[in-house]
Amino acid sequence: MGSTVYLETFGCQMNVADSERADVRLRAAGFELCESPEAADVVIFNTCSVRERAAHKVFTRIGEVRRRRLGKEPVVGVMGCVAQLEGKALFDNSPSVNLIIGTRATDRLPELVNRALEGERRVMDLDERAEGEKWDIPATARTSKYVAFVPIIEGCNKFCTYCIVPFSRGRERSREATDIIAEIEELRDLFRVTFTRTSWRLSTSTKTFANGFTCPYSRAVIAYSAPCAAGTPPLTTCTRSLRSRMPGAGWP
């Protein structure tokens, strides 16, 4: 049996989506995900830095786990925005932390966990996503049968005075429209769900189709993912118009 991992998520919908991705990668690498930190070999906190209180809550939870596991402390990891922003300072501020995983290192998580389990005291990865990494989470891996968080864009290029996103999530990087649409269609076919598009600047992005038609990503995704099953509300005139101009087959 593989090592056990407990993963706890704080913060926004993007963090929930990242935790689903981490769950899939860990299981594929042979780890077993468990529901409690009490007996886990590895405890990972996926963190949020938008509010100061959220960051403090993570450190509180790390202390709680450490006190409950005195004499048999697990490998403790911090991933997400706090990890990306604080970096190696986390090792000094919280000596029980062994593992720091940045916001773009999710796909490398199994390798990082293995390094920590093999005895490496301080493991950290704050690098960018590797070329070719894809968001390929199966619909069956979702934490809810009713709500699905679908990432569209990661990061932001605007650097607004009040916003932490460009620093915690990096520069703006969009997924391929075909990948987004395929994911939504898979979710729609398997579950009756509410789609939440996890992006900070979705409205600024556009998609150009093979026939030359261009429209905002947000409108394209809504048009593709609108309900088609019998008994669902009729499509709006706007959505029907968009569908008629997008290459595709089988529109109702």
C-alpha atoms as a PDB file:
ATOM      1  CA  MET A   1       0.000   0.000   0.000  1.00  0.00           C
ATOM      2  CA  GLY A   2       1.259   3.487  -0.880  1.00  0.00           C
ATOM      3  CA  SER A   3       1.775   6.355   1.536  1.00  0.00           C
ATOM      4  CA  THR A   4      -1.326   8.204   2.685  1.00  0.00           C
ATOM      5  CA  VAL A   5      -1.954  11.899   2.008  1.00  0.00           C
ATOM      6  CA  TYR A   6      -4.445  14.270   3.609  1.00  0.00           C
ATOM      7  CA  LEU A   7      -5.214  17.372   1.536  1.00  0.00           C
ATOM      8  CA  GLU A   8      -7.065  20.341   3.057  1.00  0.00           C
ATOM      9  CA  THR A   9      -8.187  23.311   0.949  1.00  0.00           C
ATOM     10  CA  PHE A  10      -8.593  26.960   1.901  1.00  0.00           C
ATOM     11  CA  GLY A  11      -9.757  29.859  -0.241  1.00  0.00           C
ATOM     12  CA  CYS A  12     -11.224  30.360  -3.684  1.00  0.00           C
ATOM     13  CA  GLN A  13     -12.678  28.168  -6.427  1.00  0.00           C
ATOM     14  CA  MET A  14      -9.295  28.065  -8.177  1.00  0.00           C
ATOM     15  CA  ASN A  15      -7.833  26.409  -5.088  1.00  0.00           C
ATOM     16  CA  VAL A  16     -10.635  23.832  -5.097  1.00  0.00           C
ATOM     17  CA  ALA A  17      -9.858  23.107  -8.749  1.00  0.00           C
ATOM     18  CA  ASP A  18      -6.122  22.847  -7.975  1.00  0.00           C
ATOM     19  CA  SER A  19      -6.840  20.409  -5.134  1.00  0.00           C
ATOM     20  CA  GLU A  20      -8.866  18.221  -7.505  1.00  0.00           C
ATOM     21  CA  ARG A  21      -5.907  18.250  -9.880  1.00  0.00           C
ATOM     22  CA  ALA A  22      -3.498  17.400  -7.041  1.00  0.00           C
ATOM     23  CA  ASP A  23      -5.792  14.556  -5.922  1.00  0.00           C
ATOM     24  CA  VAL A  24      -5.750  13.003  -9.390  1.00  0.00           C
ATOM     25  CA  ARG A  25      -1.962  13.316  -9.747  1.00  0.00           C
ATOM     26  CA  LEU A  26      -1.309  11.802  -6.314  1.00  0.00           C
ATOM     27  CA  ARG A  27      -3.652   8.844  -6.864  1.00  0.00           C
ATOM     28  CA  ALA A  28      -2.105   8.178 -10.275  1.00  0.00           C
ATOM     29  CA  ALA A  29       1.321   8.038  -8.597  1.00  0.00           C
ATOM     30  CA  GLY A  30       0.123   5.405  -6.116  1.00  0.00           C
ATOM     31  CA  PHE A  31      -0.685   7.544  -3.077  1.00  0.00           C
ATOM     32  CA  GLU A  32      -3.826   6.946  -1.048  1.00  0.00           C
ATOM     33  CA  LEU A  33      -5.916  10.019  -0.159  1.00  0.00           C
ATOM     34  CA  CYS A  34      -7.475   9.960   3.309  1.00  0.00           C
ATOM     35  CA  GLU A  35     -10.166  11.982   5.069  1.00  0.00           C
ATOM     36  CA  SER A  36      -8.295  12.871   8.259  1.00  0.00           C
ATOM     37  CA  PRO A  37      -4.820  14.157   9.133  1.00  0.00           C
ATOM     38  CA  GLU A  38      -4.671  11.901  12.189  1.00  0.00           C
ATOM     39  CA  ALA A  39      -3.091   8.913  10.459  1.00  0.00           C
ATOM     40  CA  ALA A  40      -1.780  10.444   7.221  1.00  0.00           C
ATOM     41  CA  ASP A  41       1.895  10.126   6.278  1.00  0.00           C
ATOM     42  CA  VAL A  42       1.688  13.478   4.496  1.00  0.00           C
ATOM     43  CA  VAL A  43      -0.520  16.467   5.358  1.00  0.00           C
ATOM     44  CA  ILE A  44      -0.836  19.192   2.695  1.00  0.00           C
ATOM     45  CA  PHE A  45      -2.621  22.519   3.066  1.00  0.00           C
ATOM     46  CA  ASN A  46      -3.688  24.282  -0.135  1.00  0.00           C
ATOM     47  CA  THR A  47      -3.616  27.916   0.922  1.00  0.00           C
ATOM     48  CA  CYS A  48      -5.148  31.310   0.165  1.00  0.00           C
ATOM     49  CA  SER A  49      -3.434  34.687   0.594  1.00  0.00           C
ATOM     50  CA  VAL A  50      -6.208  37.097  -0.420  1.00  0.00           C
ATOM     51  CA  ARG A  51      -7.118  37.709   3.215  1.00  0.00           C
ATOM     52  CA  GLU A  52      -4.546  37.878   6.005  1.00  0.00           C
ATOM     53  CA  ARG A  53      -6.808  35.820   8.257  1.00  0.00           C
ATOM     54  CA  ALA A  54      -6.763  32.944   5.752  1.00  0.00           C
ATOM     55  CA  ALA A  55      -2.974  32.755   5.943  1.00  0.00           C
ATOM     56  CA  HIS A  56      -3.055  32.826   9.756  1.00  0.00           C
ATOM     57  CA  LYS A  57      -5.625  30.031   9.721  1.00  0.00           C
ATOM     58  CA  VAL A  58      -3.188  27.787   7.858  1.00  0.00           C
ATOM     59  CA  PHE A  59      -0.451  28.286  10.457  1.00  0.00           C
ATOM     60  CA  THR A  60      -3.005  27.561  13.181  1.00  0.00           C
ATOM     61  CA  ARG A  61      -3.961  24.291  11.468  1.00  0.00           C
ATOM     62  CA  ILE A  62      -0.308  23.294  11.089  1.00  0.00           C
ATOM     63  CA  GLY A  63       0.151  23.791  14.835  1.00  0.00           C
ATOM     64  CA  GLU A  64      -2.955  21.755  15.613  1.00  0.00           C
ATOM     65  CA  VAL A  65      -1.765  18.832  13.494  1.00  0.00           C
ATOM     66  CA  ARG A  66       1.696  18.971  15.044  1.00  0.00           C
ATOM     67  CA  ARG A  67       0.315  18.878  18.602  1.00  0.00           C
ATOM     68  CA  ARG A  68      -1.950  15.934  17.816  1.00  0.00           C
ATOM     69  CA  ARG A  69       0.868  13.990  16.203  1.00  0.00           C
ATOM     70  CA  LEU A  70       3.661  14.539  18.739  1.00  0.00           C
ATOM     71  CA  GLY A  71       6.184  11.743  18.418  1.00  0.00           C
ATOM     72  CA  LYS A  72       4.851  10.739  15.015  1.00  0.00           C
ATOM     73  CA  GLU A  73       4.737  13.935  13.034  1.00  0.00           C
ATOM     74  CA  PRO A  74       3.783  13.675   9.365  1.00  0.00           C
ATOM     75  CA  VAL A  75       5.459  15.360   6.430  1.00  0.00           C
ATOM     76  CA  VAL A  76       3.752  18.771   6.290  1.00  0.00           C
ATOM     77  CA  GLY A  77       3.344  20.602   2.998  1.00  0.00           C
ATOM     78  CA  VAL A  78       2.007  24.028   2.053  1.00  0.00           C
ATOM     79  CA  MET A  79       0.799  24.608  -1.481  1.00  0.00           C
ATOM     80  CA  GLY A  80      -1.111  27.415  -3.198  1.00  0.00           C
ATOM     81  CA  CYS A  81      -0.814  31.186  -2.935  1.00  0.00           C
ATOM     82  CA  VAL A  82       0.786  31.436   0.524  1.00  0.00           C
ATOM     83  CA  ALA A  83       3.455  28.976  -0.609  1.00  0.00           C
ATOM     84  CA  GLN A  84       4.110  30.928  -3.807  1.00  0.00           C
ATOM     85  CA  LEU A  85       4.340  34.317  -2.067  1.00  0.00           C
ATOM     86  CA  GLU A  86       6.196  33.339   1.094  1.00  0.00           C
ATOM     87  CA  GLY A  87       8.557  30.805  -0.438  1.00  0.00           C
ATOM     88  CA  LYS A  88      11.428  29.621   1.739  1.00  0.00           C
ATOM     89  CA  ALA A  89      10.417  32.041   4.525  1.00  0.00           C
ATOM     90  CA  LEU A  90       7.778  29.428   5.415  1.00  0.00           C
ATOM     91  CA  PHE A  91      10.536  27.066   6.515  1.00  0.00           C
ATOM     92  CA  ASP A  92      11.789  29.661   9.009  1.00  0.00           C
ATOM     93  CA  ASN A  93       8.358  30.803  10.203  1.00  0.00           C
ATOM     94  CA  SER A  94       7.025  27.277  10.614  1.00  0.00           C
ATOM     95  CA  PRO A  95       9.822  24.747  11.247  1.00  0.00           C
ATOM     96  CA  SER A  96       7.409  21.803  10.954  1.00  0.00           C
ATOM     97  CA  VAL A  97       6.853  22.553   7.244  1.00  0.00           C
ATOM     98  CA  ASN A  98       8.865  20.198   5.022  1.00  0.00           C
ATOM     99  CA  LEU A  99       7.343  20.885   1.643  1.00  0.00           C
ATOM    100  CA  ILE A 100       6.500  24.094  -0.279  1.00  0.00           C
ATOM    101  CA  ILE A 101       4.575  23.725  -3.549  1.00  0.00           C
ATOM    102  CA  GLY A 102       3.924  26.821  -5.661  1.00  0.00           C
ATOM    103  CA  THR A 103       0.753  27.503  -7.627  1.00  0.00           C
ATOM    104  CA  ARG A 104       2.229  26.182 -10.889  1.00  0.00           C
ATOM    105  CA  ALA A 105       3.862  23.049  -9.431  1.00  0.00           C
ATOM    106  CA  THR A 106       0.712  20.945  -8.924  1.00  0.00           C
ATOM    107  CA  ASP A 107       1.588  18.384 -11.586  1.00  0.00           C
ATOM    108  CA  ARG A 108       4.997  17.819  -9.970  1.00  0.00           C
ATOM    109  CA  LEU A 109       3.480  17.224  -6.528  1.00  0.00           C
ATOM    110  CA  PRO A 110       3.972  13.407  -6.410  1.00  0.00           C
ATOM    111  CA  GLU A 111       7.688  13.773  -7.116  1.00  0.00           C
ATOM    112  CA  LEU A 112       8.043  16.477  -4.453  1.00  0.00           C
ATOM    113  CA  VAL A 113       6.177  14.399  -1.868  1.00  0.00           C
ATOM    114  CA  ASN A 114       8.402  11.399  -2.573  1.00  0.00           C
ATOM    115  CA  ARG A 115      11.512  13.507  -2.013  1.00  0.00           C
ATOM    116  CA  ALA A 116      10.176  14.602   1.389  1.00  0.00           C
ATOM    117  CA  LEU A 117       9.229  11.048   2.348  1.00  0.00           C
ATOM    118  CA  GLU A 118      12.729   9.883   1.440  1.00  0.00           C
ATOM    119  CA  GLY A 119      14.152  12.236   4.053  1.00  0.00           C
ATOM    120  CA  GLU A 120      14.858  15.515   2.253  1.00  0.00           C
ATOM    121  CA  ARG A 121      14.177  18.084   4.972  1.00  0.00           C
ATOM    122  CA  ARG A 122      13.247  21.100   2.844  1.00  0.00           C
ATOM    123  CA  VAL A 123      11.645  20.543  -0.539  1.00  0.00           C
ATOM    124  CA  MET A 124      10.463  23.566  -2.537  1.00  0.00           C
ATOM    125  CA  ASP A 125       9.180  24.156  -6.073  1.00  0.00           C
ATOM    126  CA  LEU A 126       8.009  27.637  -7.082  1.00  0.00           C
ATOM    127  CA  ASP A 127       8.743  27.226 -10.799  1.00  0.00           C
ATOM    128  CA  GLU A 128       6.424  27.730 -13.765  1.00  0.00           C
ATOM    129  CA  ARG A 129       4.345  24.937 -15.253  1.00  0.00           C
ATOM    130  CA  ALA A 130       6.370  22.669 -17.504  1.00  0.00           C
ATOM    131  CA  GLU A 131       5.752  22.791 -21.224  1.00  0.00           C
ATOM    132  CA  GLY A 132       3.001  20.387 -22.231  1.00  0.00           C
ATOM    133  CA  GLU A 133       1.276  20.171 -18.834  1.00  0.00           C
ATOM    134  CA  LYS A 134      -2.478  19.962 -19.368  1.00  0.00           C
ATOM    135  CA  TRP A 135      -5.591  20.302 -17.264  1.00  0.00           C
ATOM    136  CA  ASP A 136      -6.973  16.798 -17.808  1.00  0.00           C
ATOM    137  CA  ILE A 137      -9.095  16.128 -14.746  1.00  0.00           C
ATOM    138  CA  PRO A 138     -11.789  13.476 -15.390  1.00  0.00           C
ATOM    139  CA  ALA A 139     -15.355  14.421 -14.502  1.00  0.00           C
ATOM    140  CA  THR A 140     -15.495  11.530 -12.035  1.00  0.00           C
ATOM    141  CA  ALA A 141     -12.721  13.144  -9.964  1.00  0.00           C
ATOM    142  CA  ARG A 142     -14.840  16.180  -9.058  1.00  0.00           C
ATOM    143  CA  THR A 143     -15.600  16.752  -5.397  1.00  0.00           C
ATOM    144  CA  SER A 144     -19.237  17.607  -6.148  1.00  0.00           C
ATOM    145  CA  LYS A 145     -21.835  16.146  -8.490  1.00  0.00           C
ATOM    146  CA  TYR A 146     -23.596  19.504  -8.699  1.00  0.00           C
ATOM    147  CA  VAL A 147     -20.897  22.174  -9.007  1.00  0.00           C
ATOM    148  CA  ALA A 148     -17.815  22.057 -11.248  1.00  0.00           C
ATOM    149  CA  PHE A 149     -15.039  24.642 -11.295  1.00  0.00           C
ATOM    150  CA  VAL A 150     -13.634  24.955 -14.808  1.00  0.00           C
ATOM    151  CA  PRO A 151     -10.337  26.879 -15.101  1.00  0.00           C
ATOM    152  CA  ILE A 152     -10.159  29.152 -18.141  1.00  0.00           C
ATOM    153  CA  ILE A 153      -7.198  31.439 -17.474  1.00  0.00           C
ATOM    154  CA  GLU A 154      -4.463  31.330 -14.878  1.00  0.00           C
ATOM    155  CA  GLY A 155      -2.745  34.475 -13.648  1.00  0.00           C
ATOM    156  CA  CYS A 156      -3.092  38.102 -14.746  1.00  0.00           C
ATOM    157  CA  ASN A 157      -1.031  40.754 -16.544  1.00  0.00           C
ATOM    158  CA  LYS A 158      -2.720  43.872 -15.130  1.00  0.00           C
ATOM    159  CA  PHE A 159      -0.808  44.381 -11.851  1.00  0.00           C
ATOM    160  CA  CYS A 160      -3.563  46.451 -10.223  1.00  0.00           C
ATOM    161  CA  THR A 161      -2.388  48.208  -7.061  1.00  0.00           C
ATOM    162  CA  TYR A 162      -4.757  46.295  -4.782  1.00  0.00           C
ATOM    163  CA  CYS A 163      -4.405  42.826  -6.334  1.00  0.00           C
ATOM    164  CA  ILE A 164      -2.095  39.955  -5.401  1.00  0.00           C
ATOM    165  CA  VAL A 165      -2.975  37.650  -8.320  1.00  0.00           C
ATOM    166  CA  PRO A 166      -0.078  38.513 -10.718  1.00  0.00           C
ATOM    167  CA  PHE A 167       2.369  37.707  -7.918  1.00  0.00           C
ATOM    168  CA  SER A 168       0.666  34.575  -6.590  1.00  0.00           C
ATOM    169  CA  ARG A 169      -0.532  33.122  -9.911  1.00  0.00           C
ATOM    170  CA  GLY A 170       1.943  34.560 -12.389  1.00  0.00           C
ATOM    171  CA  ARG A 171       1.382  35.994 -15.834  1.00  0.00           C
ATOM    172  CA  GLU A 172      -1.840  35.398 -17.744  1.00  0.00           C
ATOM    173  CA  ARG A 173      -1.982  32.015 -19.440  1.00  0.00           C
ATOM    174  CA  SER A 174      -5.094  30.677 -21.150  1.00  0.00           C
ATOM    175  CA  ARG A 175      -6.163  27.113 -21.753  1.00  0.00           C
ATOM    176  CA  GLU A 176      -7.051  26.019 -25.251  1.00  0.00           C
ATOM    177  CA  ALA A 177     -10.714  26.700 -26.004  1.00  0.00           C
ATOM    178  CA  THR A 178     -11.157  23.164 -27.352  1.00  0.00           C
ATOM    179  CA  ASP A 179      -9.923  21.726 -24.023  1.00  0.00           C
ATOM    180  CA  ILE A 180     -12.324  23.935 -22.044  1.00  0.00           C
ATOM    181  CA  ILE A 181     -15.271  22.957 -24.206  1.00  0.00           C
ATOM    182  CA  ALA A 182     -14.409  19.241 -24.086  1.00  0.00           C
ATOM    183  CA  GLU A 183     -14.242  19.386 -20.289  1.00  0.00           C
ATOM    184  CA  ILE A 184     -17.605  21.136 -20.031  1.00  0.00           C
ATOM    185  CA  GLU A 185     -19.247  18.670 -22.414  1.00  0.00           C
ATOM    186  CA  GLU A 186     -17.898  15.728 -20.378  1.00  0.00           C
ATOM    187  CA  LEU A 187     -19.251  17.247 -17.168  1.00  0.00           C
ATOM    188  CA  ARG A 188     -22.593  18.062 -18.776  1.00  0.00           C
ATOM    189  CA  ASP A 189     -22.972  14.517 -20.078  1.00  0.00           C
ATOM    190  CA  LEU A 190     -22.083  12.861 -16.773  1.00  0.00           C
ATOM    191  CA  PHE A 191     -23.762  15.193 -14.271  1.00  0.00           C
ATOM    192  CA  ARG A 192     -26.329  17.936 -14.156  1.00  0.00           C
ATOM    193  CA  VAL A 193     -24.013  20.602 -12.777  1.00  0.00           C
ATOM    194  CA  THR A 194     -23.624  24.329 -12.298  1.00  0.00           C
ATOM    195  CA  PHE A 195     -20.505  25.559 -14.092  1.00  0.00           C
ATOM    196  CA  THR A 196     -18.280  28.114 -12.436  1.00  0.00           C
ATOM    197  CA  ARG A 197     -15.563  29.559 -14.662  1.00  0.00           C
ATOM    198  CA  THR A 198     -12.487  30.090 -12.479  1.00  0.00           C
ATOM    199  CA  SER A 199     -10.723  33.087 -13.967  1.00  0.00           C
ATOM    200  CA  TRP A 200      -9.948  36.609 -12.870  1.00  0.00           C
ATOM    201  CA  ARG A 201      -9.958  38.240 -16.315  1.00  0.00           C
ATOM    202  CA  LEU A 202     -12.147  36.043 -18.474  1.00  0.00           C
ATOM    203  CA  SER A 203     -13.930  38.997 -20.077  1.00  0.00           C
ATOM    204  CA  THR A 204     -10.707  40.313 -21.677  1.00  0.00           C
ATOM    205  CA  SER A 205      -9.919  37.130 -23.613  1.00  0.00           C
ATOM    206  CA  THR A 206     -11.228  36.225 -27.038  1.00  0.00           C
ATOM    207  CA  LYS A 207     -11.458  33.108 -29.170  1.00  0.00           C
ATOM    208  CA  THR A 208     -11.159  33.091 -32.959  1.00  0.00           C
ATOM    209  CA  PHE A 209     -12.780  30.104 -34.684  1.00  0.00           C
ATOM    210  CA  ALA A 210     -11.738  28.408 -37.909  1.00  0.00           C
ATOM    211  CA  ASN A 211     -14.303  30.380 -39.913  1.00  0.00           C
ATOM    212  CA  GLY A 212     -12.858  33.686 -38.714  1.00  0.00           C
ATOM    213  CA  PHE A 213     -15.610  34.462 -36.202  1.00  0.00           C
ATOM    214  CA  THR A 214     -14.235  36.014 -32.983  1.00  0.00           C
ATOM    215  CA  CYS A 215     -16.036  36.453 -29.676  1.00  0.00           C
ATOM    216  CA  PRO A 216     -15.120  36.709 -25.959  1.00  0.00           C
ATOM    217  CA  TYR A 217     -14.085  33.451 -24.291  1.00  0.00           C
ATOM    218  CA  SER A 218     -16.847  33.901 -21.758  1.00  0.00           C
ATOM    219  CA  ARG A 219     -19.593  34.044 -24.418  1.00  0.00           C
ATOM    220  CA  ALA A 220     -18.105  31.107 -26.321  1.00  0.00           C
ATOM    221  CA  VAL A 221     -17.994  28.908 -23.212  1.00  0.00           C
ATOM    222  CA  ILE A 222     -21.555  29.834 -22.225  1.00  0.00           C
ATOM    223  CA  ALA A 223     -22.802  29.079 -25.735  1.00  0.00           C
ATOM    224  CA  TYR A 224     -21.093  25.694 -25.852  1.00  0.00           C
ATOM    225  CA  SER A 225     -22.136  24.655 -22.348  1.00  0.00           C
ATOM    226  CA  ALA A 226     -25.756  25.832 -22.377  1.00  0.00           C
ATOM    227  CA  PRO A 227     -28.266  23.070 -21.511  1.00  0.00           C
ATOM    228  CA  CYS A 228     -29.345  20.890 -24.404  1.00  0.00           C
ATOM    229  CA  ALA A 229     -31.340  18.120 -22.738  1.00  0.00           C
ATOM    230  CA  ALA A 230     -35.079  17.800 -23.080  1.00  0.00           C
ATOM    231  CA  GLY A 231     -36.972  19.712 -20.434  1.00  0.00           C
ATOM    232  CA  THR A 232     -34.290  22.379 -19.936  1.00  0.00           C
ATOM    233  CA  PRO A 233     -35.135  26.051 -20.526  1.00  0.00           C
ATOM    234  CA  PRO A 234     -34.944  27.213 -24.161  1.00  0.00           C
ATOM    235  CA  LEU A 235     -31.716  28.807 -25.316  1.00  0.00           C
ATOM    236  CA  THR A 236     -31.607  32.585 -25.484  1.00  0.00           C
ATOM    237  CA  THR A 237     -31.560  34.303 -28.873  1.00  0.00           C
ATOM    238  CA  CYS A 238     -27.993  35.442 -28.162  1.00  0.00           C
ATOM    239  CA  THR A 239     -26.787  31.910 -27.439  1.00  0.00           C
ATOM    240  CA  ARG A 240     -28.492  30.493 -30.537  1.00  0.00           C
ATOM    241  CA  SER A 241     -26.895  33.215 -32.645  1.00  0.00           C
ATOM    242  CA  LEU A 242     -23.435  32.441 -31.248  1.00  0.00           C
ATOM    243  CA  ARG A 243     -23.831  28.726 -31.839  1.00  0.00           C
ATOM    244  CA  SER A 244     -24.881  29.291 -35.420  1.00  0.00           C
ATOM    245  CA  ARG A 245     -21.580  31.085 -36.067  1.00  0.00           C
ATOM    246  CA  MET A 246     -19.287  28.583 -34.290  1.00  0.00           C
ATOM    247  CA  PRO A 247     -17.983  25.508 -36.088  1.00  0.00           C
ATOM    248  CA  GLY A 248     -19.548  22.441 -34.530  1.00  0.00           C
ATOM    249  CA  ALA A 249     -22.172  19.784 -35.032  1.00  0.00           C
ATOM    250  CA  GLY A 250     -25.330  18.791 -33.302  1.00  0.00           C
ATOM    251  CA  TRP A 251     -26.475  22.121 -31.909  1.00  0.00           C
ATOM    252  CA  PRO A 252     -30.122  21.957 -30.862  1.00  0.00           C
END
